[in-house]
PDB file of N, CA and C in Angstrom:
ATOM      1  N   UNK A   1       1.029  -1.099   0.046  1.00  0.00           N
ATOM      2  CA  UNK A   1       0.079   0.224  -0.042  1.00  0.00           C
ATOM      3  C   UNK A   1       0.944   1.485  -0.334  1.00  0.00           C
ATOM      4  N   UNK A   2       0.490   2.268  -0.663  1.00  0.00           N
ATOM      5  CA  UNK A   2       1.180   3.639  -0.366  1.00  0.00           C
ATOM      6  C   UNK A   2       1.360   4.202   0.598  1.00  0.00           C
ATOM      7  N   UNK A   3       2.480   5.035   0.900  1.00  0.00           N
ATOM      8  CA  UNK A   3       2.474   5.686   2.048  1.00  0.00           C
ATOM      9  C   UNK A   3       1.809   6.864   1.951  1.00  0.00           C
ATOM     10  N   UNK A   4       1.232   7.380   3.313  1.00  0.00           N
ATOM     11  CA  UNK A   4       0.484   9.140   3.012  1.00  0.00           C
ATOM     12  C   UNK A   4       1.432   9.897   2.424  1.00  0.00           C
ATOM     13  N   UNK A   5       2.515   9.995   2.354  1.00  0.00           N
ATOM     14  CA  UNK A   5       3.565  10.988   1.700  1.00  0.00           C
ATOM     15  C   UNK A   5       3.373  10.929   0.044  1.00  0.00           C
ATOM     16  N   UNK A   6       2.877   9.607  -0.381  1.00  0.00           N
ATOM     17  CA  UNK A   6       2.306   9.628  -1.619  1.00  0.00           C
ATOM     18  C   UNK A   6       0.963   9.712  -2.051  1.00  0.00           C
ATOM     19  N   UNK A   7      -0.017  10.324  -1.116  1.00  0.00           N
ATOM     20  CA  UNK A   7      -1.092  10.029  -1.279  1.00  0.00           C
ATOM     21  C   UNK A   7      -1.638  11.161  -1.231  1.00  0.00           C
ATOM     22  N   UNK A   8      -2.988  11.781  -2.110  1.00  0.00           N
ATOM     23  CA  UNK A   8      -3.289  13.394  -2.053  1.00  0.00           C
ATOM     24  C   UNK A   8      -4.958  13.062  -1.971  1.00  0.00           C
ATOM     25  N   UNK A   9      -5.261  14.491  -1.358  1.00  0.00           N
ATOM     26  CA  UNK A   9      -6.843  14.336  -0.983  1.00  0.00           C
ATOM     27  C   UNK A   9      -7.416  15.496  -1.497  1.00  0.00           C
ATOM     28  N   UNK A  10      -8.524  15.146  -2.037  1.00  0.00           N
ATOM     29  CA  UNK A  10      -9.335  16.445  -2.857  1.00  0.00           C
ATOM     30  C   UNK A  10      -9.728  17.268  -1.728  1.00  0.00           C
ATOM     31  N   UNK A  11      -9.447  18.705  -1.787  1.00  0.00           N
ATOM     32  CA  UNK A  11     -10.112  19.399  -0.578  1.00  0.00           C
ATOM     33  C   UNK A  11     -11.324  20.204  -1.237  1.00  0.00           C
ATOM     34  N   UNK A  12     -12.105  19.799  -1.947  1.00  0.00           N
ATOM     35  CA  UNK A  12     -13.280  20.437  -2.165  1.00  0.00           C
ATOM     36  C   UNK A  12     -14.152  19.991  -1.696  1.00  0.00           C
ATOM     37  N   UNK A  13     -15.130  20.597  -1.097  1.00  0.00           N
ATOM     38  CA  UNK A  13     -16.094  20.382  -0.482  1.00  0.00           C
ATOM     39  C   UNK A  13     -16.991  18.965  -0.571  1.00  0.00           C
ATOM     40  N   UNK A  14     -17.115  17.973   0.404  1.00  0.00           N
ATOM     41  CA  UNK A  14     -18.443  16.967  -0.229  1.00  0.00           C
ATOM     42  C   UNK A  14     -17.289  16.215  -0.921  1.00  0.00           C
ATOM     43  N   UNK A  15     -16.282  16.295  -1.388  1.00  0.00           N
ATOM     44  CA  UNK A  15     -15.560  15.421  -2.261  1.00  0.00           C
ATOM     45  C   UNK A  15     -14.914  14.163  -1.314  1.00  0.00           C
ATOM     46  N   UNK A  16     -13.192  14.740  -1.346  1.00  0.00           N
ATOM     47  CA  UNK A  16     -12.767  13.997  -0.503  1.00  0.00           C
ATOM     48  C   UNK A  16     -11.869  12.860  -0.953  1.00  0.00           C
ATOM     49  N   UNK A  17     -11.867  12.392  -2.330  1.00  0.00           N
ATOM     50  CA  UNK A  17     -11.519  11.725  -3.277  1.00  0.00           C
ATOM     51  C   UNK A  17      -9.992  11.638  -2.600  1.00  0.00           C
ATOM     52  N   UNK A  18      -9.624  10.602  -2.638  1.00  0.00           N
ATOM     53  CA  UNK A  18      -7.819  10.237  -2.319  1.00  0.00           C
ATOM     54  C   UNK A  18      -7.400   9.539  -3.216  1.00  0.00           C
ATOM     55  N   UNK A  19      -6.299  10.234  -3.770  1.00  0.00           N
ATOM     56  CA  UNK A  19      -5.786  10.134  -5.092  1.00  0.00           C
ATOM     57  C   UNK A  19      -4.551   8.963  -4.677  1.00  0.00           C
ATOM     58  N   UNK A  20      -4.345   7.562  -4.879  1.00  0.00           N
ATOM     59  CA  UNK A  20      -3.631   6.405  -4.403  1.00  0.00           C
ATOM     60  C   UNK A  20      -2.799   6.005  -5.267  1.00  0.00           C
ATOM     61  N   UNK A  21      -1.362   6.265  -5.739  1.00  0.00           N
ATOM     62  CA  UNK A  21      -1.030   5.789  -6.825  1.00  0.00           C
ATOM     63  C   UNK A  21      -0.898   4.338  -6.967  1.00  0.00           C
ATOM     64  N   UNK A  22      -1.211   3.385  -6.226  1.00  0.00           N
ATOM     65  CA  UNK A  22      -1.330   2.290  -6.049  1.00  0.00           C
ATOM     66  C   UNK A  22      -1.965   1.383  -7.074  1.00  0.00           C
ATOM     67  N   UNK A  23      -3.351   2.462  -6.965  1.00  0.00           N
ATOM     68  CA  UNK A  23      -4.541   2.036  -7.446  1.00  0.00           C
ATOM     69  C   UNK A  23      -4.896   2.415  -9.061  1.00  0.00           C
ATOM     70  N   UNK A  24      -5.314   1.863  -9.773  1.00  0.00           N
ATOM     71  CA  UNK A  24      -5.672   2.552 -11.149  1.00  0.00           C
ATOM     72  C   UNK A  24      -6.905   2.819 -11.005  1.00  0.00           C
ATOM     73  N   UNK A  25      -7.849   3.963 -11.653  1.00  0.00           N
ATOM     74  CA  UNK A  25      -8.918   4.217 -11.525  1.00  0.00           C
ATOM     75  C   UNK A  25      -9.299   4.287 -12.879  1.00  0.00           C
ATOM     76  N   UNK A  26     -10.617   3.544 -13.445  1.00  0.00           N
ATOM     77  CA  UNK A  26     -11.115   3.558 -14.759  1.00  0.00           C
ATOM     78  C   UNK A  26     -11.590   4.898 -14.927  1.00  0.00           C
ATOM     79  N   UNK A  27     -11.840   5.636 -14.457  1.00  0.00           N
ATOM     80  CA  UNK A  27     -12.264   6.864 -14.810  1.00  0.00           C
ATOM     81  C   UNK A  27     -10.651   8.060 -15.303  1.00  0.00           C
ATOM     82  N   UNK A  28     -10.161   7.848 -14.563  1.00  0.00           N
ATOM     83  CA  UNK A  28      -8.828   8.864 -14.957  1.00  0.00           C
ATOM     84  C   UNK A  28      -8.217   8.114 -15.875  1.00  0.00           C
ATOM     85  N   UNK A  29      -7.974   6.939 -16.150  1.00  0.00           N
ATOM     86  CA  UNK A  29      -7.339   6.193 -17.083  1.00  0.00           C
ATOM     87  C   UNK A  29      -5.820   6.333 -16.975  1.00  0.00           C
ATOM     88  N   UNK A  30      -5.629   6.796 -15.479  1.00  0.00           N
ATOM     89  CA  UNK A  30      -4.105   6.640 -15.233  1.00  0.00           C
ATOM     90  C   UNK A  30      -3.660   5.413 -14.806  1.00  0.00           C
ATOM     91  N   UNK A  31      -2.233   4.947 -15.059  1.00  0.00           N
ATOM     92  CA  UNK A  31      -1.560   3.602 -14.510  1.00  0.00           C
ATOM     93  C   UNK A  31      -1.479   3.588 -13.391  1.00  0.00           C
ATOM     94  N   UNK A  32      -1.550   2.615 -12.886  1.00  0.00           N
ATOM     95  CA  UNK A  32      -1.160   2.136 -11.606  1.00  0.00           C
ATOM     96  C   UNK A  32       0.486   2.241 -11.100  1.00  0.00           C
ATOM     97  N   UNK A  33       0.790   3.003 -10.247  1.00  0.00           N
ATOM     98  CA  UNK A  33       2.334   3.604  -9.994  1.00  0.00           C
ATOM     99  C   UNK A  33       2.680   4.915 -10.510  1.00  0.00           C
ATOM    100  N   UNK A  34       1.497   5.740 -10.973  1.00  0.00           N
ATOM    101  CA  UNK A  34       1.924   7.082 -11.547  1.00  0.00           C
ATOM    102  C   UNK A  34       1.712   7.959 -10.191  1.00  0.00           C
ATOM    103  N   UNK A  35       2.978   8.478 -10.175  1.00  0.00           N
ATOM    104  CA  UNK A  35       3.019   9.521  -8.922  1.00  0.00           C
ATOM    105  C   UNK A  35       1.782  10.812  -9.087  1.00  0.00           C
ATOM    106  N   UNK A  36       1.805  11.262  -8.368  1.00  0.00           N
ATOM    107  CA  UNK A  36       0.667  12.654  -8.235  1.00  0.00           C
ATOM    108  C   UNK A  36       1.701  13.379  -9.011  1.00  0.00           C
ATOM    109  N   UNK A  37       2.409  13.785  -9.042  1.00  0.00           N
ATOM    110  CA  UNK A  37       3.361  14.764  -9.401  1.00  0.00           C
ATOM    111  C   UNK A  37       3.647  14.521 -10.742  1.00  0.00           C
ATOM    112  N   UNK A  38       3.424  13.357 -11.532  1.00  0.00           N
ATOM    113  CA  UNK A  38       3.826  12.915 -12.623  1.00  0.00           C
ATOM    114  C   UNK A  38       2.132  12.781 -13.725  1.00  0.00           C
ATOM    115  N   UNK A  39       1.020  13.121 -12.662  1.00  0.00           N
ATOM    116  CA  UNK A  39      -0.147  13.331 -13.667  1.00  0.00           C
ATOM    117  C   UNK A  39      -0.376  14.493 -14.528  1.00  0.00           C
ATOM    118  N   UNK A  40      -1.123  14.306 -15.839  1.00  0.00           N
ATOM    119  CA  UNK A  40      -0.731  14.958 -16.831  1.00  0.00           C
ATOM    120  C   UNK A  40      -1.346  16.731 -16.192  1.00  0.00           C
ATOM    121  N   UNK A  41      -1.107  17.575 -16.736  1.00  0.00           N
ATOM    122  CA  UNK A  41      -1.610  18.925 -16.142  1.00  0.00           C
ATOM    123  C   UNK A  41      -3.006  19.050 -16.368  1.00  0.00           C
ATOM    124  N   UNK A  42      -3.799  18.418 -17.220  1.00  0.00           N
ATOM    125  CA  UNK A  42      -5.134  18.391 -17.355  1.00  0.00           C
ATOM    126  C   UNK A  42      -5.841  17.481 -16.558  1.00  0.00           C
ATOM    127  N   UNK A  43      -5.329  16.463 -15.722  1.00  0.00           N
ATOM    128  CA  UNK A  43      -5.849  15.533 -15.011  1.00  0.00           C
ATOM    129  C   UNK A  43      -6.974  16.463 -13.978  1.00  0.00           C
ATOM    130  N   UNK A  44      -7.869  15.845 -13.531  1.00  0.00           N
ATOM    131  CA  UNK A  44      -9.041  16.162 -13.212  1.00  0.00           C
ATOM    132  C   UNK A  44      -9.379  15.046 -11.875  1.00  0.00           C
ATOM    133  N   UNK A  45      -9.984  15.372 -10.799  1.00  0.00           N
ATOM    134  CA  UNK A  45     -10.878  14.587  -9.850  1.00  0.00           C
ATOM    135  C   UNK A  45     -11.798  13.751 -10.283  1.00  0.00           C
ATOM    136  N   UNK A  46     -11.741  12.460 -10.329  1.00  0.00           N
ATOM    137  CA  UNK A  46     -12.981  11.334 -11.055  1.00  0.00           C
ATOM    138  C   UNK A  46     -14.174  11.843 -10.195  1.00  0.00           C
ATOM    139  N   UNK A  47     -13.874  12.306  -9.386  1.00  0.00           N
ATOM    140  CA  UNK A  47     -15.338  12.524  -8.584  1.00  0.00           C
ATOM    141  C   UNK A  47     -16.206  13.640  -8.560  1.00  0.00           C
ATOM    142  N   UNK A  48     -15.175  14.752  -8.284  1.00  0.00           N
ATOM    143  CA  UNK A  48     -15.848  16.180  -8.882  1.00  0.00           C
ATOM    144  C   UNK A  48     -15.369  16.800  -9.787  1.00  0.00           C
ATOM    145  N   UNK A  49     -14.306  16.785 -10.430  1.00  0.00           N
ATOM    146  CA  UNK A  49     -13.349  17.226 -11.361  1.00  0.00           C
ATOM    147  C   UNK A  49     -12.827  18.460 -11.277  1.00  0.00           C
ATOM    148  N   UNK A  50     -12.394  18.903  -9.856  1.00  0.00           N
ATOM    149  CA  UNK A  50     -11.463  19.663  -9.412  1.00  0.00           C
ATOM    150  C   UNK A  50     -10.210  19.160  -9.925  1.00  0.00           C
ATOM    151  N   UNK A  51      -9.360  20.567 -10.180  1.00  0.00           N
ATOM    152  CA  UNK A  51      -7.969  20.429 -10.775  1.00  0.00           C
ATOM    153  C   UNK A  51      -6.996  20.082  -9.692  1.00  0.00           C
ATOM    154  N   UNK A  52      -5.917  19.524 -10.112  1.00  0.00           N
ATOM    155  CA  UNK A  52      -5.064  18.732  -9.464  1.00  0.00           C
ATOM    156  C   UNK A  52      -4.529  19.733  -7.971  1.00  0.00           C
ATOM    157  N   UNK A  53      -4.500  21.079  -8.206  1.00  0.00           N
ATOM    158  CA  UNK A  53      -4.417  22.063  -7.301  1.00  0.00           C
ATOM    159  C   UNK A  53      -5.310  21.963  -6.169  1.00  0.00           C
ATOM    160  N   UNK A  54      -6.233  21.439  -6.274  1.00  0.00           N
ATOM    161  CA  UNK A  54      -7.143  21.229  -5.198  1.00  0.00           C
ATOM    162  C   UNK A  54      -6.996  20.059  -3.984  1.00  0.00           C
ATOM    163  N   UNK A  55      -5.823  19.371  -4.290  1.00  0.00           N
ATOM    164  CA  UNK A  55      -5.520  18.347  -3.594  1.00  0.00           C
ATOM    165  C   UNK A  55      -4.846  18.547  -2.545  1.00  0.00           C
ATOM    166  N   UNK A  56      -4.471  17.968  -1.661  1.00  0.00           N
ATOM    167  CA  UNK A  56      -3.546  18.178  -0.477  1.00  0.00           C
ATOM    168  C   UNK A  56      -2.474  16.884   0.023  1.00  0.00           C
ATOM    169  N   UNK A  57      -1.523  16.926   0.015  1.00  0.00           N
ATOM    170  CA  UNK A  57      -0.720  15.949   0.466  1.00  0.00           C
ATOM    171  C   UNK A  57      -0.949  15.214   1.846  1.00  0.00           C
ATOM    172  N   UNK A  58      -1.284  14.029   1.898  1.00  0.00           N
ATOM    173  CA  UNK A  58      -1.933  13.503   3.135  1.00  0.00           C
ATOM    174  C   UNK A  58      -0.546  13.448   4.104  1.00  0.00           C
ATOM    175  N   UNK A  59       0.699  13.307   3.358  1.00  0.00           N
ATOM    176  CA  UNK A  59       1.791  12.920   4.387  1.00  0.00           C
ATOM    177  C   UNK A  59       2.606  14.161   5.131  1.00  0.00           C
TER     178      UNK A  59
END
């Protein structure tokens, strides 16, 4: 399982989606093992559509 320093949580109200690099999410079409820092610039939260700037590291 990924370490908290590698996981990021969406800070948009009523969302809370956690990006875990160990898990592939079908909606995002990002391969498992992709670090948050390596996500495409146009990547969006699969739950609420927020930009990556709205995420905070859990570590």
